[in-house]
Structure formats: structure tokens, C-alpha cells
Amino acid sequence: MSQAERTADGLIQEAIRGVSPEPRLEPFGGGVKSCQEPSDGGSEDRVTLTRNYWLKGIPRDDAKNVVRKVFENWKEAGHVVDAAPDYERRVVAANLRSKPDDFLMQVAMGLGGQLSVGVTSPCFWDKKPMSESLGYPAPRTEAELQDRQEAMNGVRSVSSQILDSFAGGRPSRDEPAVVVRLQDGSCYADHQWTYTCEDASTAERAFHQMVRTLGERGWQMEEPSTEVAAQGGDAVVVLTPDEHEAGAGVVRNHGEAVISISAAWEREWPPPYMRESGQ
């Protein structure tokens, strides 16, 4: 994101260099949007950045000359011209693409002499692409990649259903990363959240509401003994109704307003290494 912002701002400053009188930049539209129908055939999970500005303080009689100056600035910088301006028209516009970053660039004059410049970045990752979270070593086959993605989707589903059953508080502000790792020859993923309530009594009600709601939905709930609950808080292990392919632990520590959720996914539950160690 920071690289895209620096490039966009640099292209805008390049555009208005030497324009006289010096225009006042007034932003409009623009912002960050999802990458829809990417021309490079890549992921739609990426984003694009747009910067649009009105050029204020330019007399109407000078508007076409400003378009000409901006266009020549960009052209002289080595950018690629997609559509050159036709200065005989009442609406004048030019489209270019930046080199080497391939930002879309436009300078335009409207019917009333309004001037604008804008740049839009190609699609980029605002954060690490999901593929980098798929564990180490990297997937060696398409089938292995599919298994890891299935694990990621599975654990997200488990934790989101748990969160949906809570009321009276708020989940972690930023969704935590899904961690996928290989263990005993199979793919294992976990996803950890916190759910914060206003006070301990609200957290207690939210916790027991979660137990009831998931139980009514067919989840298997394994509650701890009274002794364990007294020592470590209200802890439950939950198993989803879809052939026990995933599970989760949920803990509410007594006297605290924060509930901890740890969801996990594997093809069978509990996984072999947990059964063997008696966990």
C-alpha cells in the first residue's frame, strides 16, 4: 500500500510540474477498492488504489493549455500514451499508462473548463497473499495445495460459527491469520480469536449462551469437571456436526471479560498425535 501511495502521489506531482498558475489540488472520489475482473488474470482478493484531484485556481481560458502541459509532462517522462488529447473538442482528455508500474493515468477538461488528473494502480496485495500462509514447506502438488486450502476454509468456518453464537461483546478487531502446518503427514490448521465483553458477568452470559446455541445446532459439547472449571475457567471443547472434521476450545476465565477461542481443523478429530498423547 505504501509503495502504491508513493507512486500515485509522485505521478500527480509529475503531472502538475511547471503548470502556471500553480493549481490547488482538491481530492475527489478515489480511495482503495477491491480488484474486480483483474486484467492480469490474478486474484480478486487484491486491491487497487486511485488518486483523483480537481485542479483549482486555473482560469478557464488556460484550461486547454494545462491539459497540454500535463500530457507533455507525462509523455516526456517516458510513460505510454493510450489516447492522445484532441484539443479541438469541447471535452479534452488524455489517457496514459505509467512506466514501469502500469498505473492508469488521465488528465481531462470538462465542458465548463473543469480540470482533473487521476491515477489508478494495478491490482496489488495490501497484505501477504493467502498462499504464503499455507505452511512450510510450500505445497508440492495441486492436491496438497487443495488440502491446505480446505483446512484454511474449514477452520475459518468453525471459528466464525462460534463467534456468531456470541452476543454482548466484540471479537478481535483484526482477524488473526490462519496458521497451517503439516503434522504426522496431514494438514492441520488453527485460528485463534478473543471475544471481549463489557464486564465479567456479561462474558459469563455470553459464554453460556454460546454453549446452548451450538448445542442446539448439533455441535458436541464437552464441558470440564467442576474442579477443572474452578481452576482454569469455564472451558469447553466443541465438535462440529460435519463428521467431526473440526473442533475448538473456548475458555472464559472467571472474573475476566475476555473469552478465548481456538479453532482447529483436521480430517479426523481429535488428530492422531493428540489421541496418542492422551490430550
C-alpha atoms as a PDB file:
ATOM      1  CA  MET A   1       0.000   0.000   0.000  1.00  0.00           C
ATOM      2  CA  SER A   2       2.739   2.448   0.922  1.00  0.00           C
ATOM      3  CA  GLN A   3       4.514   1.779  -2.364  1.00  0.00           C
ATOM      4  CA  ALA A   4       1.296   2.331  -4.337  1.00  0.00           C
ATOM      5  CA  GLU A   5       0.643   5.602  -2.472  1.00  0.00           C
ATOM      6  CA  ARG A   6       4.159   6.880  -3.111  1.00  0.00           C
ATOM      7  CA  THR A   7       3.948   6.044  -6.818  1.00  0.00           C
ATOM      8  CA  ALA A   8       0.487   7.624  -7.214  1.00  0.00           C
ATOM      9  CA  ASP A   9       1.485  10.818  -5.421  1.00  0.00           C
ATOM     10  CA  GLY A  10       4.691  11.021  -7.457  1.00  0.00           C
ATOM     11  CA  LEU A  11       2.764  10.747 -10.740  1.00  0.00           C
ATOM     12  CA  ILE A  12       0.407  13.540  -9.659  1.00  0.00           C
ATOM     13  CA  GLN A  13       3.294  15.833  -8.769  1.00  0.00           C
ATOM     14  CA  GLU A  14       4.985  14.930 -12.059  1.00  0.00           C
ATOM     15  CA  ALA A  15       1.780  15.894 -13.891  1.00  0.00           C
ATOM     16  CA  ILE A  16       1.486  19.434 -12.497  1.00  0.00           C
ATOM     17  CA  ARG A  17       5.197  20.300 -12.588  1.00  0.00           C
ATOM     18  CA  GLY A  18       5.618  23.681 -14.305  1.00  0.00           C
ATOM     19  CA  VAL A  19       1.865  24.348 -14.597  1.00  0.00           C
ATOM     20  CA  SER A  20       1.190  28.064 -14.253  1.00  0.00           C
ATOM     21  CA  PRO A  21      -0.548  29.394 -12.310  1.00  0.00           C
ATOM     22  CA  GLU A  22       0.200  26.618  -9.805  1.00  0.00           C
ATOM     23  CA  PRO A  23      -3.045  24.682  -9.264  1.00  0.00           C
ATOM     24  CA  ARG A  24      -4.578  23.866  -5.906  1.00  0.00           C
ATOM     25  CA  LEU A  25      -5.234  20.105  -5.603  1.00  0.00           C
ATOM     26  CA  GLU A  26      -8.704  19.191  -4.332  1.00  0.00           C
ATOM     27  CA  PRO A  27      -9.220  15.415  -3.890  1.00  0.00           C
ATOM     28  CA  PHE A  28     -12.430  13.714  -5.003  1.00  0.00           C
ATOM     29  CA  GLY A  29     -13.553  10.108  -5.350  1.00  0.00           C
ATOM     30  CA  GLY A  30     -10.658   7.734  -5.362  1.00  0.00           C
ATOM     31  CA  GLY A  31      -9.598   5.541  -2.471  1.00  0.00           C
ATOM     32  CA  VAL A  32      -8.968   1.819  -2.155  1.00  0.00           C
ATOM     33  CA  LYS A  33     -11.296  -0.657  -3.861  1.00  0.00           C
ATOM     34  CA  SER A  34     -11.376  -4.409  -4.383  1.00  0.00           C
ATOM     35  CA  CYS A  35      -9.724  -5.737  -7.514  1.00  0.00           C
ATOM     36  CA  GLN A  36     -12.612  -6.677  -9.813  1.00  0.00           C
ATOM     37  CA  GLU A  37     -12.007  -8.518 -13.103  1.00  0.00           C
ATOM     38  CA  PRO A  38      -8.205  -8.099 -12.938  1.00  0.00           C
ATOM     39  CA  SER A  39      -6.677  -7.781 -16.394  1.00  0.00           C
ATOM     40  CA  ASP A  40      -3.659  -9.838 -15.347  1.00  0.00           C
ATOM     41  CA  GLY A  41      -5.799 -12.878 -14.512  1.00  0.00           C
ATOM     42  CA  GLY A  42      -4.639 -12.827 -10.879  1.00  0.00           C
ATOM     43  CA  SER A  43      -6.559 -12.974  -7.616  1.00  0.00           C
ATOM     44  CA  GLU A  44      -9.598 -10.789  -6.975  1.00  0.00           C
ATOM     45  CA  ASP A  45      -8.619 -10.699  -3.293  1.00  0.00           C
ATOM     46  CA  ARG A  46      -6.200  -7.874  -4.073  1.00  0.00           C
ATOM     47  CA  VAL A  47      -6.981  -4.136  -4.121  1.00  0.00           C
ATOM     48  CA  THR A  48      -6.397  -1.069  -6.287  1.00  0.00           C
ATOM     49  CA  LEU A  49      -5.611   2.494  -5.231  1.00  0.00           C
ATOM     50  CA  THR A  50      -6.989   5.578  -7.024  1.00  0.00           C
ATOM     51  CA  ARG A  51      -5.998   9.227  -6.554  1.00  0.00           C
ATOM     52  CA  ASN A  52      -8.241  11.848  -8.213  1.00  0.00           C
ATOM     53  CA  TYR A  53      -7.813  15.629  -7.952  1.00  0.00           C
ATOM     54  CA  TRP A  54      -9.549  18.720  -9.281  1.00  0.00           C
ATOM     55  CA  LEU A  55      -7.030  21.336 -10.373  1.00  0.00           C
ATOM     56  CA  LYS A  56      -8.398  24.523  -8.824  1.00  0.00           C
ATOM     57  CA  GLY A  57      -7.336  28.109  -9.419  1.00  0.00           C
ATOM     58  CA  ILE A  58      -6.784  27.777 -13.183  1.00  0.00           C
ATOM     59  CA  PRO A  59      -8.581  30.378 -15.366  1.00  0.00           C
ATOM     60  CA  ARG A  60     -10.989  28.786 -17.827  1.00  0.00           C
ATOM     61  CA  ASP A  61      -9.126  30.260 -20.809  1.00  0.00           C
ATOM     62  CA  ASP A  62      -5.948  28.451 -19.698  1.00  0.00           C
ATOM     63  CA  ALA A  63      -7.576  25.037 -19.180  1.00  0.00           C
ATOM     64  CA  LYS A  64      -6.582  23.502 -22.540  1.00  0.00           C
ATOM     65  CA  ASN A  65      -3.001  24.682 -22.104  1.00  0.00           C
ATOM     66  CA  VAL A  66      -2.896  22.969 -18.723  1.00  0.00           C
ATOM     67  CA  VAL A  67      -4.099  19.697 -20.295  1.00  0.00           C
ATOM     68  CA  ARG A  68      -1.370  20.112 -22.903  1.00  0.00           C
ATOM     69  CA  LYS A  69       1.271  20.729 -20.205  1.00  0.00           C
ATOM     70  CA  VAL A  70       0.231  17.760 -18.065  1.00  0.00           C
ATOM     71  CA  PHE A  71       0.131  15.474 -21.103  1.00  0.00           C
ATOM     72  CA  GLU A  72       3.588  16.596 -22.218  1.00  0.00           C
ATOM     73  CA  ASN A  73       4.986  16.180 -18.689  1.00  0.00           C
ATOM     74  CA  TRP A  74       3.857  12.564 -18.561  1.00  0.00           C
ATOM     75  CA  LYS A  75       4.912  11.832 -22.124  1.00  0.00           C
ATOM     76  CA  GLU A  76       8.372  13.309 -21.620  1.00  0.00           C
ATOM     77  CA  ALA A  77       8.775  11.144 -18.507  1.00  0.00           C
ATOM     78  CA  GLY A  78       8.522   8.090 -20.782  1.00  0.00           C
ATOM     79  CA  HIS A  79       5.007   6.932 -19.963  1.00  0.00           C
ATOM     80  CA  VAL A  80       2.910   5.103 -22.592  1.00  0.00           C
ATOM     81  CA  VAL A  81       0.138   7.044 -24.380  1.00  0.00           C
ATOM     82  CA  ASP A  82      -3.138   5.131 -24.717  1.00  0.00           C
ATOM     83  CA  ALA A  83      -5.240   8.037 -26.023  1.00  0.00           C
ATOM     84  CA  ALA A  84      -3.821  11.417 -27.010  1.00  0.00           C
ATOM     85  CA  PRO A  85      -5.921  14.561 -26.398  1.00  0.00           C
ATOM     86  CA  ASP A  86      -7.924  16.159 -29.201  1.00  0.00           C
ATOM     87  CA  TYR A  87      -7.701  19.880 -28.449  1.00  0.00           C
ATOM     88  CA  GLU A  88     -10.441  20.706 -30.972  1.00  0.00           C
ATOM     89  CA  ARG A  89     -13.104  19.024 -28.839  1.00  0.00           C
ATOM     90  CA  ARG A  90     -15.094  20.719 -26.081  1.00  0.00           C
ATOM     91  CA  VAL A  91     -14.183  17.903 -23.678  1.00  0.00           C
ATOM     92  CA  VAL A  92     -10.465  17.136 -23.809  1.00  0.00           C
ATOM     93  CA  ALA A  93      -8.921  14.052 -22.217  1.00  0.00           C
ATOM     94  CA  ALA A  94      -5.743  12.007 -22.440  1.00  0.00           C
ATOM     95  CA  ASN A  95      -5.072   8.503 -21.107  1.00  0.00           C
ATOM     96  CA  LEU A  96      -1.636   7.059 -20.396  1.00  0.00           C
ATOM     97  CA  ARG A  97      -0.021   4.170 -18.550  1.00  0.00           C
ATOM     98  CA  SER A  98       2.974   4.703 -16.289  1.00  0.00           C
ATOM     99  CA  LYS A  99       6.301   3.020 -16.861  1.00  0.00           C
ATOM    100  CA  PRO A 100       7.361   0.760 -15.258  1.00  0.00           C
ATOM    101  CA  ASP A 101       4.463   0.406 -12.779  1.00  0.00           C
ATOM    102  CA  ASP A 102       1.498   0.374 -15.217  1.00  0.00           C
ATOM    103  CA  PHE A 103      -0.686   2.840 -13.327  1.00  0.00           C
ATOM    104  CA  LEU A 104      -3.628   4.149 -15.400  1.00  0.00           C
ATOM    105  CA  MET A 105      -3.350   7.939 -15.752  1.00  0.00           C
ATOM    106  CA  GLN A 106      -5.765  10.567 -17.039  1.00  0.00           C
ATOM    107  CA  VAL A 107      -5.905  14.318 -17.435  1.00  0.00           C
ATOM    108  CA  ALA A 108      -9.224  15.836 -18.502  1.00  0.00           C
ATOM    109  CA  MET A 109     -11.014  19.134 -19.125  1.00  0.00           C
ATOM    110  CA  GLY A 110     -14.812  19.136 -18.796  1.00  0.00           C
ATOM    111  CA  LEU A 111     -17.409  21.238 -20.607  1.00  0.00           C
ATOM    112  CA  GLY A 112     -17.150  24.001 -18.032  1.00  0.00           C
ATOM    113  CA  GLY A 113     -13.362  24.059 -18.135  1.00  0.00           C
ATOM    114  CA  GLN A 114     -13.016  21.912 -15.005  1.00  0.00           C
ATOM    115  CA  LEU A 115      -9.629  20.245 -14.865  1.00  0.00           C
ATOM    116  CA  SER A 116      -8.819  16.927 -13.235  1.00  0.00           C
ATOM    117  CA  VAL A 117      -5.965  14.454 -13.021  1.00  0.00           C
ATOM    118  CA  GLY A 118      -6.170  10.916 -11.732  1.00  0.00           C
ATOM    119  CA  VAL A 119      -4.117   7.759 -11.407  1.00  0.00           C
ATOM    120  CA  THR A 120      -5.179   4.192 -10.606  1.00  0.00           C
ATOM    121  CA  SER A 121      -2.778   1.451  -9.611  1.00  0.00           C
ATOM    122  CA  PRO A 122      -2.806  -2.082 -10.955  1.00  0.00           C
ATOM    123  CA  CYS A 123      -4.073  -4.760  -8.542  1.00  0.00           C
ATOM    124  CA  PHE A 124      -1.746  -5.434  -5.610  1.00  0.00           C
ATOM    125  CA  TRP A 125      -1.683  -7.250  -2.292  1.00  0.00           C
ATOM    126  CA  ASP A 126      -2.393  -4.967   0.650  1.00  0.00           C
ATOM    127  CA  LYS A 127      -1.191  -7.806   2.882  1.00  0.00           C
ATOM    128  CA  LYS A 128       0.577 -11.084   2.378  1.00  0.00           C
ATOM    129  CA  PRO A 129      -1.265 -13.275  -0.133  1.00  0.00           C
ATOM    130  CA  MET A 130      -3.058 -16.249   1.327  1.00  0.00           C
ATOM    131  CA  SER A 131      -0.685 -18.665  -0.403  1.00  0.00           C
ATOM    132  CA  GLU A 132       2.115 -17.524   1.920  1.00  0.00           C
ATOM    133  CA  SER A 133       0.077 -18.732   4.897  1.00  0.00           C
ATOM    134  CA  LEU A 134      -0.310 -22.244   3.556  1.00  0.00           C
ATOM    135  CA  GLY A 135       2.525 -23.676   5.596  1.00  0.00           C
ATOM    136  CA  TYR A 136       6.119 -24.707   5.110  1.00  0.00           C
ATOM    137  CA  PRO A 137       7.430 -26.308   3.015  1.00  0.00           C
ATOM    138  CA  ALA A 138       5.411 -24.988   0.072  1.00  0.00           C
ATOM    139  CA  PRO A 139       2.797 -27.361  -1.385  1.00  0.00           C
ATOM    140  CA  ARG A 140       4.451 -29.731  -3.855  1.00  0.00           C
ATOM    141  CA  THR A 141       1.358 -30.848  -5.751  1.00  0.00           C
ATOM    142  CA  GLU A 142      -2.036 -29.417  -6.682  1.00  0.00           C
ATOM    143  CA  ALA A 143      -3.711 -31.993  -4.432  1.00  0.00           C
ATOM    144  CA  GLU A 144      -1.573 -30.898  -1.461  1.00  0.00           C
ATOM    145  CA  LEU A 145      -2.387 -27.249  -2.147  1.00  0.00           C
ATOM    146  CA  GLN A 146      -6.095 -28.111  -2.258  1.00  0.00           C
ATOM    147  CA  ASP A 147      -5.827 -29.954   1.087  1.00  0.00           C
ATOM    148  CA  ARG A 148      -4.244 -26.934   2.735  1.00  0.00           C
ATOM    149  CA  GLN A 149      -6.825 -24.547   1.334  1.00  0.00           C
ATOM    150  CA  GLU A 150      -9.558 -26.895   2.546  1.00  0.00           C
ATOM    151  CA  ALA A 151      -8.029 -26.785   6.016  1.00  0.00           C
ATOM    152  CA  MET A 152      -7.991 -22.968   5.947  1.00  0.00           C
ATOM    153  CA  ASN A 153     -11.612 -22.766   4.844  1.00  0.00           C
ATOM    154  CA  GLY A 154     -12.625 -25.364   7.424  1.00  0.00           C
ATOM    155  CA  VAL A 155     -11.046 -23.624  10.386  1.00  0.00           C
ATOM    156  CA  ARG A 156     -12.436 -20.234   9.338  1.00  0.00           C
ATOM    157  CA  SER A 157     -15.908 -21.777   9.212  1.00  0.00           C
ATOM    158  CA  VAL A 158     -15.541 -23.268  12.689  1.00  0.00           C
ATOM    159  CA  SER A 159     -14.352 -20.069  14.366  1.00  0.00           C
ATOM    160  CA  SER A 160     -16.857 -17.847  12.572  1.00  0.00           C
ATOM    161  CA  GLN A 161     -19.773 -20.063  13.636  1.00  0.00           C
ATOM    162  CA  ILE A 162     -18.588 -19.870  17.227  1.00  0.00           C
ATOM    163  CA  LEU A 163     -18.325 -16.097  17.058  1.00  0.00           C
ATOM    164  CA  ASP A 164     -21.805 -15.891  15.515  1.00  0.00           C
ATOM    165  CA  SER A 165     -23.192 -17.653  18.588  1.00  0.00           C
ATOM    166  CA  PHE A 166     -21.893 -14.961  20.958  1.00  0.00           C
ATOM    167  CA  ALA A 167     -23.752 -11.787  21.922  1.00  0.00           C
ATOM    168  CA  GLY A 168     -22.999  -8.779  24.095  1.00  0.00           C
ATOM    169  CA  GLY A 169     -19.369  -8.169  23.144  1.00  0.00           C
ATOM    170  CA  ARG A 170     -16.960  -7.796  20.253  1.00  0.00           C
ATOM    171  CA  PRO A 171     -14.407 -10.074  18.568  1.00  0.00           C
ATOM    172  CA  SER A 172     -10.747  -9.264  17.944  1.00  0.00           C
ATOM    173  CA  ARG A 173     -10.516  -6.092  15.882  1.00  0.00           C
ATOM    174  CA  ASP A 174      -8.308  -7.695  13.211  1.00  0.00           C
ATOM    175  CA  GLU A 175      -8.994 -11.209  12.056  1.00  0.00           C
ATOM    176  CA  PRO A 176      -5.989 -13.318  13.079  1.00  0.00           C
ATOM    177  CA  ALA A 177      -4.068 -15.232  10.462  1.00  0.00           C
ATOM    178  CA  VAL A 178      -4.885 -18.869   9.878  1.00  0.00           C
ATOM    179  CA  VAL A 179      -1.821 -20.979  10.576  1.00  0.00           C
ATOM    180  CA  VAL A 180      -1.478 -24.140   8.509  1.00  0.00           C
ATOM    181  CA  ARG A 181       1.176 -26.681   9.357  1.00  0.00           C
ATOM    182  CA  LEU A 182       1.993 -30.250   8.474  1.00  0.00           C
ATOM    183  CA  GLN A 183       1.939 -32.785  11.267  1.00  0.00           C
ATOM    184  CA  ASP A 184       2.037 -36.573  11.122  1.00  0.00           C
ATOM    185  CA  GLY A 185       1.748 -36.422   7.357  1.00  0.00           C
ATOM    186  CA  SER A 186      -1.535 -34.491   7.334  1.00  0.00           C
ATOM    187  CA  CYS A 187      -2.616 -30.874   7.221  1.00  0.00           C
ATOM    188  CA  TYR A 188      -3.589 -29.093  10.415  1.00  0.00           C
ATOM    189  CA  ALA A 189      -4.860 -25.519  10.772  1.00  0.00           C
ATOM    190  CA  ASP A 190      -5.734 -23.378  13.757  1.00  0.00           C
ATOM    191  CA  HIS A 191      -7.346 -19.971  14.185  1.00  0.00           C
ATOM    192  CA  GLN A 192      -7.339 -18.019  17.456  1.00  0.00           C
ATOM    193  CA  TRP A 193      -9.666 -15.185  18.446  1.00  0.00           C
ATOM    194  CA  THR A 194     -10.671 -13.271  21.544  1.00  0.00           C
ATOM    195  CA  TYR A 195     -14.163 -12.043  22.342  1.00  0.00           C
ATOM    196  CA  THR A 196     -14.308  -9.092  24.757  1.00  0.00           C
ATOM    197  CA  CYS A 197     -17.365  -8.099  26.792  1.00  0.00           C
ATOM    198  CA  GLU A 198     -18.002  -5.061  28.968  1.00  0.00           C
ATOM    199  CA  ASP A 199     -17.566  -6.953  32.236  1.00  0.00           C
ATOM    200  CA  ALA A 200     -17.207 -10.433  33.692  1.00  0.00           C
ATOM    201  CA  SER A 201     -20.941 -11.010  34.191  1.00  0.00           C
ATOM    202  CA  THR A 202     -21.650 -10.151  30.513  1.00  0.00           C
ATOM    203  CA  ALA A 203     -18.873 -12.537  29.488  1.00  0.00           C
ATOM    204  CA  GLU A 204     -20.412 -15.288  31.634  1.00  0.00           C
ATOM    205  CA  ARG A 205     -23.817 -14.851  29.979  1.00  0.00           C
ATOM    206  CA  ALA A 206     -22.228 -14.769  26.507  1.00  0.00           C
ATOM    207  CA  PHE A 207     -20.250 -17.936  27.248  1.00  0.00           C
ATOM    208  CA  HIS A 208     -23.250 -19.973  28.404  1.00  0.00           C
ATOM    209  CA  GLN A 209     -25.392 -18.629  25.547  1.00  0.00           C
ATOM    210  CA  MET A 210     -22.692 -19.892  23.161  1.00  0.00           C
ATOM    211  CA  VAL A 211     -22.802 -23.355  24.776  1.00  0.00           C
ATOM    212  CA  ARG A 212     -26.596 -23.541  24.433  1.00  0.00           C
ATOM    213  CA  THR A 213     -26.685 -22.197  20.865  1.00  0.00           C
ATOM    214  CA  LEU A 214     -24.041 -24.539  19.474  1.00  0.00           C
ATOM    215  CA  GLY A 215     -25.555 -27.488  21.330  1.00  0.00           C
ATOM    216  CA  GLU A 216     -28.915 -26.759  19.707  1.00  0.00           C
ATOM    217  CA  ARG A 217     -27.184 -26.714  16.300  1.00  0.00           C
ATOM    218  CA  GLY A 218     -25.887 -30.251  16.766  1.00  0.00           C
ATOM    219  CA  TRP A 219     -22.382 -29.479  17.966  1.00  0.00           C
ATOM    220  CA  GLN A 220     -20.984 -31.901  20.551  1.00  0.00           C
ATOM    221  CA  MET A 221     -20.046 -30.000  23.685  1.00  0.00           C
ATOM    222  CA  GLU A 222     -17.627 -31.469  26.212  1.00  0.00           C
ATOM    223  CA  GLU A 223     -17.675 -29.440  29.394  1.00  0.00           C
ATOM    224  CA  PRO A 224     -14.965 -29.740  32.072  1.00  0.00           C
ATOM    225  CA  SER A 225     -15.364 -31.107  35.554  1.00  0.00           C
ATOM    226  CA  THR A 226     -16.276 -28.677  38.317  1.00  0.00           C
ATOM    227  CA  GLU A 227     -12.735 -28.857  39.671  1.00  0.00           C
ATOM    228  CA  VAL A 228     -11.153 -28.040  36.304  1.00  0.00           C
ATOM    229  CA  ALA A 229     -13.611 -25.207  35.702  1.00  0.00           C
ATOM    230  CA  ALA A 230     -12.823 -23.700  39.097  1.00  0.00           C
ATOM    231  CA  GLN A 231      -9.079 -23.791  38.430  1.00  0.00           C
ATOM    232  CA  GLY A 232      -8.913 -22.751  34.781  1.00  0.00           C
ATOM    233  CA  GLY A 233     -12.203 -21.082  33.964  1.00  0.00           C
ATOM    234  CA  ASP A 234     -15.271 -22.260  32.072  1.00  0.00           C
ATOM    235  CA  ALA A 235     -13.724 -24.363  29.282  1.00  0.00           C
ATOM    236  CA  VAL A 236     -15.500 -26.416  26.678  1.00  0.00           C
ATOM    237  CA  VAL A 237     -14.395 -28.478  23.707  1.00  0.00           C
ATOM    238  CA  VAL A 238     -16.793 -28.319  20.786  1.00  0.00           C
ATOM    239  CA  LEU A 239     -17.020 -30.636  17.794  1.00  0.00           C
ATOM    240  CA  THR A 240     -18.884 -29.627  14.654  1.00  0.00           C
ATOM    241  CA  PRO A 241     -21.689 -31.872  13.362  1.00  0.00           C
ATOM    242  CA  ASP A 242     -19.978 -32.486   9.981  1.00  0.00           C
ATOM    243  CA  GLU A 243     -18.383 -35.852  10.740  1.00  0.00           C
ATOM    244  CA  HIS A 244     -16.141 -34.406  13.441  1.00  0.00           C
ATOM    245  CA  GLU A 245     -13.776 -32.826  10.923  1.00  0.00           C
ATOM    246  CA  ALA A 246     -13.032 -29.892  13.180  1.00  0.00           C
ATOM    247  CA  GLY A 247     -13.058 -28.818  16.784  1.00  0.00           C
ATOM    248  CA  ALA A 248     -12.442 -25.864  19.030  1.00  0.00           C
ATOM    249  CA  GLY A 249     -11.694 -24.893  22.574  1.00  0.00           C
ATOM    250  CA  VAL A 250     -13.481 -21.965  24.221  1.00  0.00           C
ATOM    251  CA  VAL A 251     -12.457 -20.635  27.642  1.00  0.00           C
ATOM    252  CA  ARG A 252     -13.949 -17.939  29.862  1.00  0.00           C
ATOM    253  CA  ASN A 253     -11.663 -17.181  32.774  1.00  0.00           C
ATOM    254  CA  HIS A 254     -13.598 -16.367  35.927  1.00  0.00           C
ATOM    255  CA  GLY A 255     -13.593 -12.693  36.776  1.00  0.00           C
ATOM    256  CA  GLU A 256     -12.484 -11.616  33.316  1.00  0.00           C
ATOM    257  CA  ALA A 257     -14.404 -10.081  30.429  1.00  0.00           C
ATOM    258  CA  VAL A 258     -12.356 -11.778  27.686  1.00  0.00           C
ATOM    259  CA  ILE A 259     -13.301 -15.126  26.153  1.00  0.00           C
ATOM    260  CA  SER A 260     -10.629 -17.030  24.229  1.00  0.00           C
ATOM    261  CA  ILE A 261     -11.487 -19.089  21.153  1.00  0.00           C
ATOM    262  CA  SER A 262      -9.098 -21.523  19.495  1.00  0.00           C
ATOM    263  CA  ALA A 263     -10.470 -23.365  16.476  1.00  0.00           C
ATOM    264  CA  ALA A 264      -8.705 -26.262  14.793  1.00  0.00           C
ATOM    265  CA  TRP A 265      -9.345 -28.380  11.728  1.00  0.00           C
ATOM    266  CA  GLU A 266      -8.136 -31.751  10.516  1.00  0.00           C
ATOM    267  CA  ARG A 267      -9.674 -34.590   8.539  1.00  0.00           C
ATOM    268  CA  GLU A 268     -10.335 -36.512  11.738  1.00  0.00           C
ATOM    269  CA  TRP A 269     -10.787 -35.217  15.237  1.00  0.00           C
ATOM    270  CA  PRO A 270      -9.010 -35.437  17.517  1.00  0.00           C
ATOM    271  CA  PRO A 271      -5.954 -35.905  15.309  1.00  0.00           C
ATOM    272  CA  PRO A 272      -3.780 -38.995  15.879  1.00  0.00           C
ATOM    273  CA  TYR A 273      -0.990 -37.141  17.679  1.00  0.00           C
ATOM    274  CA  MET A 274      -3.482 -35.824  20.249  1.00  0.00           C
ATOM    275  CA  ARG A 275      -5.033 -39.228  20.841  1.00  0.00           C
ATOM    276  CA  GLU A 276      -1.632 -40.889  21.278  1.00  0.00           C
ATOM    277  CA  SER A 277      -0.508 -38.366  23.859  1.00  0.00           C
ATOM    278  CA  GLY A 278      -3.787 -38.537  25.747  1.00  0.00           C
ATOM    279  CA  GLN A 279      -4.653 -34.860  25.177  1.00  0.00           C
END
